[in-house]
Amino acid sequence: QVQVVESGGGLVQPGGSLRLSCAASGRIFSSIAMGWYRQAPGKQRELVARITSGGSTNYADSVKGRFTISRDNAENTVYLQMNSLKPEDTAIYYCNAGGGSSTPGAVWGQGTQVTVSS
């Protein structure tokens, strides 16, 4: 059973950068896809970025060119580098393990708050 813990959220000004980390436990980490989702107040949770076990990535249109997802299988960690942040990126960001291309997996972290504001 995989468990995940996010870190790296915080308050940043528009145009700034943050890097989120998701540390996973479990020996199957390298063989499963990992994703970052976010949920803003009053909105549904949405996929931000996903990376397969082979390293293929996909992104929400709203973050393409600004966010980069990566993984370090030796460290059982997945990252989300967020650049050129906008106020509309404000949300709780969740790490997800084991999802498919269109559905999340069953394993979620507790979430980390990202606030973009001047």
PDB file of N, CA and C in Angstrom:
ATOM      1  N   GLN A   1       0.839  -1.183   0.000  1.00  0.00           N
ATOM      2  CA  GLN A   1       0.000   0.000   0.000  1.00  0.00           C
ATOM      3  C   GLN A   1       0.882   1.243   0.000  1.00  0.00           C
ATOM      4  N   VAL A   2       0.622   2.142  -0.950  1.00  0.00           N
ATOM      5  CA  VAL A   2       1.377   3.385  -1.053  1.00  0.00           C
ATOM      6  C   VAL A   2       0.715   4.451  -0.192  1.00  0.00           C
ATOM      7  N   GLN A   3       1.524   5.226   0.491  1.00  0.00           N
ATOM      8  CA  GLN A   3       1.049   6.412   1.190  1.00  0.00           C
ATOM      9  C   GLN A   3       1.863   7.590   0.694  1.00  0.00           C
ATOM     10  N   VAL A   4       1.239   8.784   0.659  1.00  0.00           N
ATOM     11  CA  VAL A   4       1.926   9.960   0.133  1.00  0.00           C
ATOM     12  C   VAL A   4       1.752  11.145   1.065  1.00  0.00           C
ATOM     13  N   VAL A   5       2.784  11.989   1.116  1.00  0.00           N
ATOM     14  CA  VAL A   5       2.764  13.195   1.950  1.00  0.00           C
ATOM     15  C   VAL A   5       3.311  14.357   1.125  1.00  0.00           C
ATOM     16  N   GLU A   6       2.513  15.422   1.007  1.00  0.00           N
ATOM     17  CA  GLU A   6       2.923  16.584   0.244  1.00  0.00           C
ATOM     18  C   GLU A   6       3.628  17.611   1.128  1.00  0.00           C
ATOM     19  N   SER A   7       4.454  18.432   0.493  1.00  0.00           N
ATOM     20  CA  SER A   7       5.075  19.567   1.161  1.00  0.00           C
ATOM     21  C   SER A   7       5.429  20.614   0.122  1.00  0.00           C
ATOM     22  N   GLY A   8       5.713  21.821   0.593  1.00  0.00           N
ATOM     23  CA  GLY A   8       6.215  22.854  -0.295  1.00  0.00           C
ATOM     24  C   GLY A   8       5.247  23.964  -0.639  1.00  0.00           C
ATOM     25  N   GLY A   9       4.031  23.899  -0.132  1.00  0.00           N
ATOM     26  CA  GLY A   9       3.094  24.974  -0.416  1.00  0.00           C
ATOM     27  C   GLY A   9       3.439  26.245   0.337  1.00  0.00           C
ATOM     28  N   GLY A  10       2.693  27.299   0.047  1.00  0.00           N
ATOM     29  CA  GLY A  10       2.922  28.552   0.741  1.00  0.00           C
ATOM     30  C   GLY A  10       2.301  29.717   0.026  1.00  0.00           C
ATOM     31  N   LEU A  11       2.692  30.907   0.447  1.00  0.00           N
ATOM     32  CA  LEU A  11       2.212  32.153  -0.140  1.00  0.00           C
ATOM     33  C   LEU A  11       3.277  32.706  -1.068  1.00  0.00           C
ATOM     34  N   VAL A  12       2.873  33.056  -2.274  1.00  0.00           N
ATOM     35  CA  VAL A  12       3.817  33.592  -3.259  1.00  0.00           C
ATOM     36  C   VAL A  12       3.128  34.691  -4.047  1.00  0.00           C
ATOM     37  N   GLN A  13       3.915  35.663  -4.489  1.00  0.00           N
ATOM     38  CA  GLN A  13       3.357  36.749  -5.290  1.00  0.00           C
ATOM     39  C   GLN A  13       3.128  36.297  -6.728  1.00  0.00           C
ATOM     40  N   PRO A  14       2.206  36.940  -7.425  1.00  0.00           N
ATOM     41  CA  PRO A  14       2.010  36.613  -8.842  1.00  0.00           C
ATOM     42  C   PRO A  14       3.325  36.720  -9.608  1.00  0.00           C
ATOM     43  N   GLY A  15       3.548  35.743 -10.482  1.00  0.00           N
ATOM     44  CA  GLY A  15       4.792  35.678 -11.236  1.00  0.00           C
ATOM     45  C   GLY A  15       5.883  34.881 -10.549  1.00  0.00           C
ATOM     46  N   GLY A  16       5.660  34.521  -9.295  1.00  0.00           N
ATOM     47  CA  GLY A  16       6.647  33.771  -8.545  1.00  0.00           C
ATOM     48  C   GLY A  16       6.617  32.285  -8.818  1.00  0.00           C
ATOM     49  N   SER A  17       7.449  31.556  -8.081  1.00  0.00           N
ATOM     50  CA  SER A  17       7.591  30.112  -8.270  1.00  0.00           C
ATOM     51  C   SER A  17       7.513  29.378  -6.939  1.00  0.00           C
ATOM     52  N   LEU A  18       7.059  28.143  -7.020  1.00  0.00           N
ATOM     53  CA  LEU A  18       7.075  27.221  -5.892  1.00  0.00           C
ATOM     54  C   LEU A  18       7.359  25.830  -6.419  1.00  0.00           C
ATOM     55  N   ARG A  19       7.937  24.991  -5.577  1.00  0.00           N
ATOM     56  CA  ARG A  19       8.092  23.587  -5.933  1.00  0.00           C
ATOM     57  C   ARG A  19       7.438  22.739  -4.861  1.00  0.00           C
ATOM     58  N   LEU A  20       6.490  21.935  -5.294  1.00  0.00           N
ATOM     59  CA  LEU A  20       5.828  21.000  -4.397  1.00  0.00           C
ATOM     60  C   LEU A  20       6.521  19.650  -4.464  1.00  0.00           C
ATOM     61  N   SER A  21       6.550  18.972  -3.334  1.00  0.00           N
ATOM     62  CA  SER A  21       7.121  17.633  -3.278  1.00  0.00           C
ATOM     63  C   SER A  21       6.077  16.668  -2.725  1.00  0.00           C
ATOM     64  N   CYS A  22       6.153  15.444  -3.188  1.00  0.00           N
ATOM     65  CA  CYS A  22       5.268  14.388  -2.702  1.00  0.00           C
ATOM     66  C   CYS A  22       6.142  13.166  -2.423  1.00  0.00           C
ATOM     67  N   ALA A  23       6.307  12.871  -1.156  1.00  0.00           N
ATOM     68  CA  ALA A  23       7.101  11.719  -0.752  1.00  0.00           C
ATOM     69  C   ALA A  23       6.183  10.521  -0.577  1.00  0.00           C
ATOM     70  N   ALA A  24       6.555   9.426  -1.216  1.00  0.00           N
ATOM     71  CA  ALA A  24       5.720   8.228  -1.191  1.00  0.00           C
ATOM     72  C   ALA A  24       6.410   7.085  -0.483  1.00  0.00           C
ATOM     73  N   SER A  25       5.642   6.285   0.198  1.00  0.00           N
ATOM     74  CA  SER A  25       6.162   5.061   0.794  1.00  0.00           C
ATOM     75  C   SER A  25       5.681   3.890  -0.045  1.00  0.00           C
ATOM     76  N   GLY A  26       6.358   2.768   0.069  1.00  0.00           N
ATOM     77  CA  GLY A  26       5.928   1.600  -0.678  1.00  0.00           C
ATOM     78  C   GLY A  26       6.880   1.256  -1.808  1.00  0.00           C
ATOM     79  N   ARG A  27       7.094  -0.035  -2.005  1.00  0.00           N
ATOM     80  CA  ARG A  27       8.068  -0.481  -2.989  1.00  0.00           C
ATOM     81  C   ARG A  27       7.562  -0.434  -4.417  1.00  0.00           C
ATOM     82  N   ILE A  28       6.267  -0.136  -4.612  1.00  0.00           N
ATOM     83  CA  ILE A  28       5.741  -0.141  -5.970  1.00  0.00           C
ATOM     84  C   ILE A  28       5.764   1.238  -6.611  1.00  0.00           C
ATOM     85  N   PHE A  29       6.346   2.229  -5.915  1.00  0.00           N
ATOM     86  CA  PHE A  29       6.296   3.615  -6.394  1.00  0.00           C
ATOM     87  C   PHE A  29       6.748   3.721  -7.843  1.00  0.00           C
ATOM     88  N   SER A  30       7.860   3.087  -8.176  1.00  0.00           N
ATOM     89  CA  SER A  30       8.431   3.256  -9.510  1.00  0.00           C
ATOM     90  C   SER A  30       7.551   2.663 -10.611  1.00  0.00           C
ATOM     91  N   SER A  31       6.597   1.846 -10.252  1.00  0.00           N
ATOM     92  CA  SER A  31       5.776   1.169 -11.257  1.00  0.00           C
ATOM     93  C   SER A  31       4.391   1.772 -11.421  1.00  0.00           C
ATOM     94  N   ILE A  32       4.109   2.870 -10.748  1.00  0.00           N
ATOM     95  CA  ILE A  32       2.772   3.454 -10.828  1.00  0.00           C
ATOM     96  C   ILE A  32       2.828   4.904 -11.291  1.00  0.00           C
ATOM     97  N   ALA A  33       1.751   5.344 -11.892  1.00  0.00           N
ATOM     98  CA  ALA A  33       1.628   6.742 -12.277  1.00  0.00           C
ATOM     99  C   ALA A  33       1.347   7.596 -11.046  1.00  0.00           C
ATOM    100  N   MET A  34       1.808   8.838 -11.095  1.00  0.00           N
ATOM    101  CA  MET A  34       1.580   9.788 -10.014  1.00  0.00           C
ATOM    102  C   MET A  34       0.982  11.065 -10.585  1.00  0.00           C
ATOM    103  N   GLY A  35       0.136  11.706  -9.806  1.00  0.00           N
ATOM    104  CA  GLY A  35      -0.497  12.918 -10.297  1.00  0.00           C
ATOM    105  C   GLY A  35      -0.604  13.986  -9.235  1.00  0.00           C
ATOM    106  N   TRP A  36      -0.715  15.219  -9.708  1.00  0.00           N
ATOM    107  CA  TRP A  36      -1.037  16.361  -8.852  1.00  0.00           C
ATOM    108  C   TRP A  36      -2.413  16.874  -9.253  1.00  0.00           C
ATOM    109  N   TYR A  37      -3.260  17.041  -8.265  1.00  0.00           N
ATOM    110  CA  TYR A  37      -4.583  17.622  -8.450  1.00  0.00           C
ATOM    111  C   TYR A  37      -4.678  18.885  -7.595  1.00  0.00           C
ATOM    112  N   ARG A  38      -5.656  19.707  -7.894  1.00  0.00           N
ATOM    113  CA  ARG A  38      -5.879  20.875  -7.061  1.00  0.00           C
ATOM    114  C   ARG A  38      -7.368  21.135  -6.932  1.00  0.00           C
ATOM    115  N   GLN A  39      -7.722  21.786  -5.826  1.00  0.00           N
ATOM    116  CA  GLN A  39      -9.109  22.156  -5.595  1.00  0.00           C
ATOM    117  C   GLN A  39      -9.158  23.556  -5.008  1.00  0.00           C
ATOM    118  N   ALA A  40      -9.774  24.434  -5.752  1.00  0.00           N
ATOM    119  CA  ALA A  40      -9.975  25.814  -5.306  1.00  0.00           C
ATOM    120  C   ALA A  40     -11.323  25.915  -4.592  1.00  0.00           C
ATOM    121  N   PRO A  41     -11.502  26.927  -3.735  1.00  0.00           N
ATOM    122  CA  PRO A  41     -12.777  27.074  -3.019  1.00  0.00           C
ATOM    123  C   PRO A  41     -13.958  27.141  -3.978  1.00  0.00           C
ATOM    124  N   GLY A  42     -14.955  26.320  -3.719  1.00  0.00           N
ATOM    125  CA  GLY A  42     -16.158  26.321  -4.532  1.00  0.00           C
ATOM    126  C   GLY A  42     -16.039  25.628  -5.868  1.00  0.00           C
ATOM    127  N   LYS A  43     -14.910  24.997  -6.115  1.00  0.00           N
ATOM    128  CA  LYS A  43     -14.699  24.326  -7.393  1.00  0.00           C
ATOM    129  C   LYS A  43     -14.407  22.844  -7.187  1.00  0.00           C
ATOM    130  N   GLN A  44     -14.565  22.085  -8.256  1.00  0.00           N
ATOM    131  CA  GLN A  44     -14.259  20.656  -8.192  1.00  0.00           C
ATOM    132  C   GLN A  44     -12.748  20.436  -8.249  1.00  0.00           C
ATOM    133  N   ARG A  45     -12.335  19.318  -7.696  1.00  0.00           N
ATOM    134  CA  ARG A  45     -10.929  18.945  -7.783  1.00  0.00           C
ATOM    135  C   ARG A  45     -10.601  18.643  -9.245  1.00  0.00           C
ATOM    136  N   GLU A  46      -9.444  19.117  -9.708  1.00  0.00           N
ATOM    137  CA  GLU A  46      -9.060  18.918 -11.105  1.00  0.00           C
ATOM    138  C   GLU A  46      -7.619  18.429 -11.209  1.00  0.00           C
ATOM    139  N   LEU A  47      -7.389  17.689 -12.283  1.00  0.00           N
ATOM    140  CA  LEU A  47      -6.031  17.222 -12.553  1.00  0.00           C
ATOM    141  C   LEU A  47      -5.171  18.385 -13.019  1.00  0.00           C
ATOM    142  N   VAL A  48      -3.998  18.508 -12.427  1.00  0.00           N
ATOM    143  CA  VAL A  48      -3.034  19.523 -12.831  1.00  0.00           C
ATOM    144  C   VAL A  48      -1.976  18.911 -13.740  1.00  0.00           C
ATOM    145  N   ALA A  49      -1.393  17.805 -13.297  1.00  0.00           N
ATOM    146  CA  ALA A  49      -0.326  17.157 -14.059  1.00  0.00           C
ATOM    147  C   ALA A  49      -0.230  15.704 -13.634  1.00  0.00           C
ATOM    148  N   ARG A  50       0.236  14.895 -14.543  1.00  0.00           N
ATOM    149  CA  ARG A  50       0.360  13.460 -14.291  1.00  0.00           C
ATOM    150  C   ARG A  50       1.635  12.958 -14.953  1.00  0.00           C
ATOM    151  N   ILE A  51       2.278  11.988 -14.304  1.00  0.00           N
ATOM    152  CA  ILE A  51       3.476  11.372 -14.867  1.00  0.00           C
ATOM    153  C   ILE A  51       3.361   9.865 -14.714  1.00  0.00           C
ATOM    154  N   THR A  52       3.613   9.160 -15.815  1.00  0.00           N
ATOM    155  CA  THR A  52       3.509   7.707 -15.778  1.00  0.00           C
ATOM    156  C   THR A  52       4.783   7.093 -15.204  1.00  0.00           C
ATOM    157  N   SER A  53       4.748   5.783 -15.019  1.00  0.00           N
ATOM    158  CA  SER A  53       5.939   5.092 -14.527  1.00  0.00           C
ATOM    159  C   SER A  53       7.095   5.229 -15.518  1.00  0.00           C
ATOM    160  N   GLY A  54       6.770   5.391 -16.781  1.00  0.00           N
ATOM    161  CA  GLY A  54       7.800   5.532 -17.807  1.00  0.00           C
ATOM    162  C   GLY A  54       8.264   6.955 -18.036  1.00  0.00           C
ATOM    163  N   GLY A  55       7.636   7.899 -17.319  1.00  0.00           N
ATOM    164  CA  GLY A  55       8.055   9.290 -17.422  1.00  0.00           C
ATOM    165  C   GLY A  55       7.261  10.152 -18.388  1.00  0.00           C
ATOM    166  N   SER A  56       6.247   9.586 -19.026  1.00  0.00           N
ATOM    167  CA  SER A  56       5.390  10.398 -19.890  1.00  0.00           C
ATOM    168  C   SER A  56       4.535  11.325 -19.032  1.00  0.00           C
ATOM    169  N   THR A  57       4.328  12.532 -19.530  1.00  0.00           N
ATOM    170  CA  THR A  57       3.612  13.534 -18.747  1.00  0.00           C
ATOM    171  C   THR A  57       2.431  14.105 -19.517  1.00  0.00           C
ATOM    172  N   ASN A  58       1.444  14.583 -18.769  1.00  0.00           N
ATOM    173  CA  ASN A  58       0.387  15.391 -19.367  1.00  0.00           C
ATOM    174  C   ASN A  58      -0.049  16.442 -18.355  1.00  0.00           C
ATOM    175  N   TYR A  59      -0.565  17.548 -18.906  1.00  0.00           N
ATOM    176  CA  TYR A  59      -0.870  18.716 -18.086  1.00  0.00           C
ATOM    177  C   TYR A  59      -2.246  19.273 -18.433  1.00  0.00           C
ATOM    178  N   ALA A  60      -2.841  19.920 -17.458  1.00  0.00           N
ATOM    179  CA  ALA A  60      -4.031  20.706 -17.731  1.00  0.00           C
ATOM    180  C   ALA A  60      -3.641  21.866 -18.639  1.00  0.00           C
ATOM    181  N   ASP A  61      -4.532  22.251 -19.526  1.00  0.00           N
ATOM    182  CA  ASP A  61      -4.233  23.341 -20.455  1.00  0.00           C
ATOM    183  C   ASP A  61      -3.850  24.613 -19.707  1.00  0.00           C
ATOM    184  N   SER A  62      -4.455  24.840 -18.557  1.00  0.00           N
ATOM    185  CA  SER A  62      -4.240  26.081 -17.823  1.00  0.00           C
ATOM    186  C   SER A  62      -2.831  26.212 -17.250  1.00  0.00           C
ATOM    187  N   VAL A  63      -2.091  25.103 -17.181  1.00  0.00           N
ATOM    188  CA  VAL A  63      -0.753  25.168 -16.580  1.00  0.00           C
ATOM    189  C   VAL A  63       0.357  24.805 -17.564  1.00  0.00           C
ATOM    190  N   LYS A  64      -0.001  24.420 -18.775  1.00  0.00           N
ATOM    191  CA  LYS A  64       1.011  24.053 -19.770  1.00  0.00           C
ATOM    192  C   LYS A  64       1.990  25.193 -19.987  1.00  0.00           C
ATOM    193  N   GLY A  65       3.267  24.847 -20.003  1.00  0.00           N
ATOM    194  CA  GLY A  65       4.299  25.849 -20.215  1.00  0.00           C
ATOM    195  C   GLY A  65       4.730  26.547 -18.947  1.00  0.00           C
ATOM    196  N   ARG A  66       3.990  26.356 -17.857  1.00  0.00           N
ATOM    197  CA  ARG A  66       4.338  27.001 -16.582  1.00  0.00           C
ATOM    198  C   ARG A  66       4.708  25.982 -15.504  1.00  0.00           C
ATOM    199  N   PHE A  67       4.058  24.837 -15.513  1.00  0.00           N
ATOM    200  CA  PHE A  67       4.292  23.808 -14.496  1.00  0.00           C
ATOM    201  C   PHE A  67       5.027  22.629 -15.116  1.00  0.00           C
ATOM    202  N   THR A  68       5.860  21.985 -14.310  1.00  0.00           N
ATOM    203  CA  THR A  68       6.582  20.788 -14.744  1.00  0.00           C
ATOM    204  C   THR A  68       6.504  19.728 -13.661  1.00  0.00           C
ATOM    205  N   ILE A  69       6.036  18.552 -14.037  1.00  0.00           N
ATOM    206  CA  ILE A  69       6.009  17.427 -13.111  1.00  0.00           C
ATOM    207  C   ILE A  69       7.200  16.521 -13.394  1.00  0.00           C
ATOM    208  N   SER A  70       7.803  16.004 -12.349  1.00  0.00           N
ATOM    209  CA  SER A  70       8.936  15.096 -12.513  1.00  0.00           C
ATOM    210  C   SER A  70       8.924  14.101 -11.357  1.00  0.00           C
ATOM    211  N   ARG A  71       9.717  13.063 -11.509  1.00  0.00           N
ATOM    212  CA  ARG A  71       9.770  12.053 -10.449  1.00  0.00           C
ATOM    213  C   ARG A  71      11.192  11.567 -10.265  1.00  0.00           C
ATOM    214  N   ASP A  72      11.507  11.181  -9.038  1.00  0.00           N
ATOM    215  CA  ASP A  72      12.792  10.604  -8.701  1.00  0.00           C
ATOM    216  C   ASP A  72      12.481   9.260  -8.052  1.00  0.00           C
ATOM    217  N   ASN A  73      12.603   8.204  -8.817  1.00  0.00           N
ATOM    218  CA  ASN A  73      12.238   6.884  -8.306  1.00  0.00           C
ATOM    219  C   ASN A  73      13.190   6.405  -7.210  1.00  0.00           C
ATOM    220  N   ALA A  74      14.423   6.871  -7.244  1.00  0.00           N
ATOM    221  CA  ALA A  74      15.372   6.480  -6.194  1.00  0.00           C
ATOM    222  C   ALA A  74      14.976   7.065  -4.845  1.00  0.00           C
ATOM    223  N   GLU A  75      14.313   8.231  -4.896  1.00  0.00           N
ATOM    224  CA  GLU A  75      13.895   8.905  -3.664  1.00  0.00           C
ATOM    225  C   GLU A  75      12.402   8.732  -3.388  1.00  0.00           C
ATOM    226  N   ASN A  76      11.713   7.972  -4.243  1.00  0.00           N
ATOM    227  CA  ASN A  76      10.257   7.795  -4.080  1.00  0.00           C
ATOM    228  C   ASN A  76       9.540   9.134  -3.948  1.00  0.00           C
ATOM    229  N   THR A  77       9.898  10.070  -4.804  1.00  0.00           N
ATOM    230  CA  THR A  77       9.345  11.416  -4.708  1.00  0.00           C
ATOM    231  C   THR A  77       8.921  11.920  -6.083  1.00  0.00           C
ATOM    232  N   VAL A  78       7.803  12.623  -6.099  1.00  0.00           N
ATOM    233  CA  VAL A  78       7.357  13.305  -7.311  1.00  0.00           C
ATOM    234  C   VAL A  78       7.289  14.799  -6.992  1.00  0.00           C
ATOM    235  N   TYR A  79       7.633  15.609  -7.971  1.00  0.00           N
ATOM    236  CA  TYR A  79       7.715  17.053  -7.792  1.00  0.00           C
ATOM    237  C   TYR A  79       6.764  17.760  -8.753  1.00  0.00           C
ATOM    238  N   LEU A  80       6.375  18.952  -8.354  1.00  0.00           N
ATOM    239  CA  LEU A  80       5.648  19.843  -9.246  1.00  0.00           C
ATOM    240  C   LEU A  80       6.309  21.220  -9.159  1.00  0.00           C
ATOM    241  N   GLN A  81       7.045  21.570 -10.194  1.00  0.00           N
ATOM    242  CA  GLN A  81       7.664  22.890 -10.278  1.00  0.00           C
ATOM    243  C   GLN A  81       6.654  23.843 -10.900  1.00  0.00           C
ATOM    244  N   MET A  82       6.323  24.886 -10.175  1.00  0.00           N
ATOM    245  CA  MET A  82       5.312  25.840 -10.638  1.00  0.00           C
ATOM    246  C   MET A  82       5.959  27.202 -10.829  1.00  0.00           C
ATOM    247  N   ASN A  83       5.964  27.674 -12.054  1.00  0.00           N
ATOM    248  CA  ASN A  83       6.532  28.973 -12.391  1.00  0.00           C
ATOM    249  C   ASN A  83       5.436  29.904 -12.906  1.00  0.00           C
ATOM    250  N   SER A  84       5.745  31.178 -12.929  1.00  0.00           N
ATOM    251  CA  SER A  84       4.810  32.196 -13.434  1.00  0.00           C
ATOM    252  C   SER A  84       3.427  32.023 -12.812  1.00  0.00           C
ATOM    253  N   LEU A  85       3.416  31.895 -11.520  1.00  0.00           N
ATOM    254  CA  LEU A  85       2.162  31.623 -10.824  1.00  0.00           C
ATOM    255  C   LEU A  85       1.189  32.783 -10.937  1.00  0.00           C
ATOM    256  N   LYS A  86      -0.092  32.422 -11.016  1.00  0.00           N
ATOM    257  CA  LYS A  86      -1.172  33.388 -11.163  1.00  0.00           C
ATOM    258  C   LYS A  86      -2.133  33.247  -9.969  1.00  0.00           C
ATOM    259  N   PRO A  87      -2.876  34.294  -9.673  1.00  0.00           N
ATOM    260  CA  PRO A  87      -3.852  34.185  -8.585  1.00  0.00           C
ATOM    261  C   PRO A  87      -4.816  33.010  -8.757  1.00  0.00           C
ATOM    262  N   GLU A  88      -5.157  32.695  -9.995  1.00  0.00           N
ATOM    263  CA  GLU A  88      -6.079  31.587 -10.235  1.00  0.00           C
ATOM    264  C   GLU A  88      -5.459  30.218  -9.974  1.00  0.00           C
ATOM    265  N   ASP A  89      -4.168  30.174  -9.692  1.00  0.00           N
ATOM    266  CA  ASP A  89      -3.537  28.911  -9.279  1.00  0.00           C
ATOM    267  C   ASP A  89      -3.737  28.638  -7.792  1.00  0.00           C
ATOM    268  N   THR A  90      -4.296  29.597  -7.081  1.00  0.00           N
ATOM    269  CA  THR A  90      -4.555  29.411  -5.656  1.00  0.00           C
ATOM    270  C   THR A  90      -5.503  28.246  -5.428  1.00  0.00           C
ATOM    271  N   ALA A  91      -5.062  27.289  -4.613  1.00  0.00           N
ATOM    272  CA  ALA A  91      -5.847  26.083  -4.360  1.00  0.00           C
ATOM    273  C   ALA A  91      -5.103  25.216  -3.352  1.00  0.00           C
ATOM    274  N   ILE A  92      -5.777  24.188  -2.905  1.00  0.00           N
ATOM    275  CA  ILE A  92      -5.098  23.113  -2.179  1.00  0.00           C
ATOM    276  C   ILE A  92      -4.636  22.105  -3.221  1.00  0.00           C
ATOM    277  N   TYR A  93      -3.385  21.758  -3.166  1.00  0.00           N
ATOM    278  CA  TYR A  93      -2.799  20.834  -4.131  1.00  0.00           C
ATOM    279  C   TYR A  93      -2.619  19.464  -3.460  1.00  0.00           C
ATOM    280  N   TYR A  94      -3.086  18.446  -4.157  1.00  0.00           N
ATOM    281  CA  TYR A  94      -3.063  17.090  -3.637  1.00  0.00           C
ATOM    282  C   TYR A  94      -2.221  16.179  -4.522  1.00  0.00           C
ATOM    283  N   CYS A  95      -1.459  15.346  -3.894  1.00  0.00           N
ATOM    284  CA  CYS A  95      -0.726  14.295  -4.595  1.00  0.00           C
ATOM    285  C   CYS A  95      -1.613  13.050  -4.663  1.00  0.00           C
ATOM    286  N   ASN A  96      -1.547  12.369  -5.794  1.00  0.00           N
ATOM    287  CA  ASN A  96      -2.367  11.172  -5.999  1.00  0.00           C
ATOM    288  C   ASN A  96      -1.518  10.061  -6.597  1.00  0.00           C
ATOM    289  N   ALA A  97      -1.747   8.858  -6.121  1.00  0.00           N
ATOM    290  CA  ALA A  97      -0.958   7.722  -6.580  1.00  0.00           C
ATOM    291  C   ALA A  97      -1.825   6.686  -7.278  1.00  0.00           C
ATOM    292  N   GLY A  98      -1.293   6.182  -8.392  1.00  0.00           N
ATOM    293  CA  GLY A  98      -1.885   5.012  -9.024  1.00  0.00           C
ATOM    294  C   GLY A  98      -3.041   5.270  -9.953  1.00  0.00           C
ATOM    295  N   GLY A  99      -3.281   6.515 -10.339  1.00  0.00           N
ATOM    296  CA  GLY A  99      -4.413   6.808 -11.199  1.00  0.00           C
ATOM    297  C   GLY A  99      -4.184   6.453 -12.652  1.00  0.00           C
ATOM    298  N   GLY A 100      -5.280   6.434 -13.410  1.00  0.00           N
ATOM    299  CA  GLY A 100      -5.217   6.225 -14.840  1.00  0.00           C
ATOM    300  C   GLY A 100      -5.191   7.559 -15.573  1.00  0.00           C
ATOM    301  N   SER A 101      -5.319   7.486 -16.888  1.00  0.00           N
ATOM    302  CA  SER A 101      -5.222   8.707 -17.692  1.00  0.00           C
ATOM    303  C   SER A 101      -6.393   9.646 -17.467  1.00  0.00           C
ATOM    304  N   SER A 102      -7.519   9.115 -17.022  1.00  0.00           N
ATOM    305  CA  SER A 102      -8.695   9.968 -16.849  1.00  0.00           C
ATOM    306  C   SER A 102      -9.311   9.880 -15.462  1.00  0.00           C
ATOM    307  N   THR A 103      -8.789   9.035 -14.609  1.00  0.00           N
ATOM    308  CA  THR A 103      -9.346   8.886 -13.263  1.00  0.00           C
ATOM    309  C   THR A 103      -8.220   8.839 -12.234  1.00  0.00           C
ATOM    310  N   PRO A 104      -8.436   9.445 -11.076  1.00  0.00           N
ATOM    311  CA  PRO A 104      -7.397   9.390 -10.045  1.00  0.00           C
ATOM    312  C   PRO A 104      -7.320   8.028  -9.379  1.00  0.00           C
ATOM    313  N   GLY A 105      -6.198   7.773  -8.733  1.00  0.00           N
ATOM    314  CA  GLY A 105      -6.060   6.571  -7.943  1.00  0.00           C
ATOM    315  C   GLY A 105      -6.715   6.727  -6.590  1.00  0.00           C
ATOM    316  N   ALA A 106      -6.649   5.676  -5.806  1.00  0.00           N
ATOM    317  CA  ALA A 106      -7.330   5.669  -4.511  1.00  0.00           C
ATOM    318  C   ALA A 106      -6.515   6.337  -3.417  1.00  0.00           C
ATOM    319  N   VAL A 107      -5.244   6.592  -3.658  1.00  0.00           N
ATOM    320  CA  VAL A 107      -4.359   7.107  -2.613  1.00  0.00           C
ATOM    321  C   VAL A 107      -4.175   8.612  -2.778  1.00  0.00           C
ATOM    322  N   TRP A 108      -4.536   9.348  -1.727  1.00  0.00           N
ATOM    323  CA  TRP A 108      -4.415  10.804  -1.722  1.00  0.00           C
ATOM    324  C   TRP A 108      -3.579  11.250  -0.524  1.00  0.00           C
ATOM    325  N   GLY A 109      -2.858  12.354  -0.717  1.00  0.00           N
ATOM    326  CA  GLY A 109      -2.213  12.994   0.398  1.00  0.00           C
ATOM    327  C   GLY A 109      -3.178  13.925   1.108  1.00  0.00           C
ATOM    328  N   GLN A 110      -2.661  14.601   2.130  1.00  0.00           N
ATOM    329  CA  GLN A 110      -3.514  15.493   2.922  1.00  0.00           C
ATOM    330  C   GLN A 110      -3.689  16.861   2.270  1.00  0.00           C
ATOM    331  N   GLY A 111      -2.866  17.154   1.290  1.00  0.00           N
ATOM    332  CA  GLY A 111      -2.965  18.419   0.583  1.00  0.00           C
ATOM    333  C   GLY A 111      -2.036  19.476   1.143  1.00  0.00           C
ATOM    334  N   THR A 112      -1.643  20.402   0.281  1.00  0.00           N
ATOM    335  CA  THR A 112      -0.819  21.527   0.697  1.00  0.00           C
ATOM    336  C   THR A 112      -1.369  22.795   0.037  1.00  0.00           C
ATOM    337  N   GLN A 113      -1.495  23.851   0.826  1.00  0.00           N
ATOM    338  CA  GLN A 113      -2.113  25.082   0.349  1.00  0.00           C
ATOM    339  C   GLN A 113      -1.114  25.917  -0.451  1.00  0.00           C
ATOM    340  N   VAL A 114      -1.545  26.345  -1.613  1.00  0.00           N
ATOM    341  CA  VAL A 114      -0.785  27.291  -2.434  1.00  0.00           C
ATOM    342  C   VAL A 114      -1.645  28.541  -2.598  1.00  0.00           C
ATOM    343  N   THR A 115      -1.113  29.674  -2.200  1.00  0.00           N
ATOM    344  CA  THR A 115      -1.816  30.941  -2.316  1.00  0.00           C
ATOM    345  C   THR A 115      -0.968  31.908  -3.115  1.00  0.00           C
ATOM    346  N   VAL A 116      -1.540  32.410  -4.198  1.00  0.00           N
ATOM    347  CA  VAL A 116      -0.845  33.363  -5.058  1.00  0.00           C
ATOM    348  C   VAL A 116      -1.540  34.708  -4.901  1.00  0.00           C
ATOM    349  N   SER A 117      -0.852  35.641  -4.277  1.00  0.00           N
ATOM    350  CA  SER A 117      -1.472  36.930  -3.964  1.00  0.00           C
ATOM    351  C   SER A 117      -0.406  37.973  -3.730  1.00  0.00           C
ATOM    352  N   SER A 118      -0.737  39.194  -4.101  1.00  0.00           N
ATOM    353  CA  SER A 118       0.178  40.297  -3.830  1.00  0.00           C
ATOM    354  C   SER A 118      -0.172  40.987  -2.518  1.00  0.00           C
TER     355      SER A 118
END
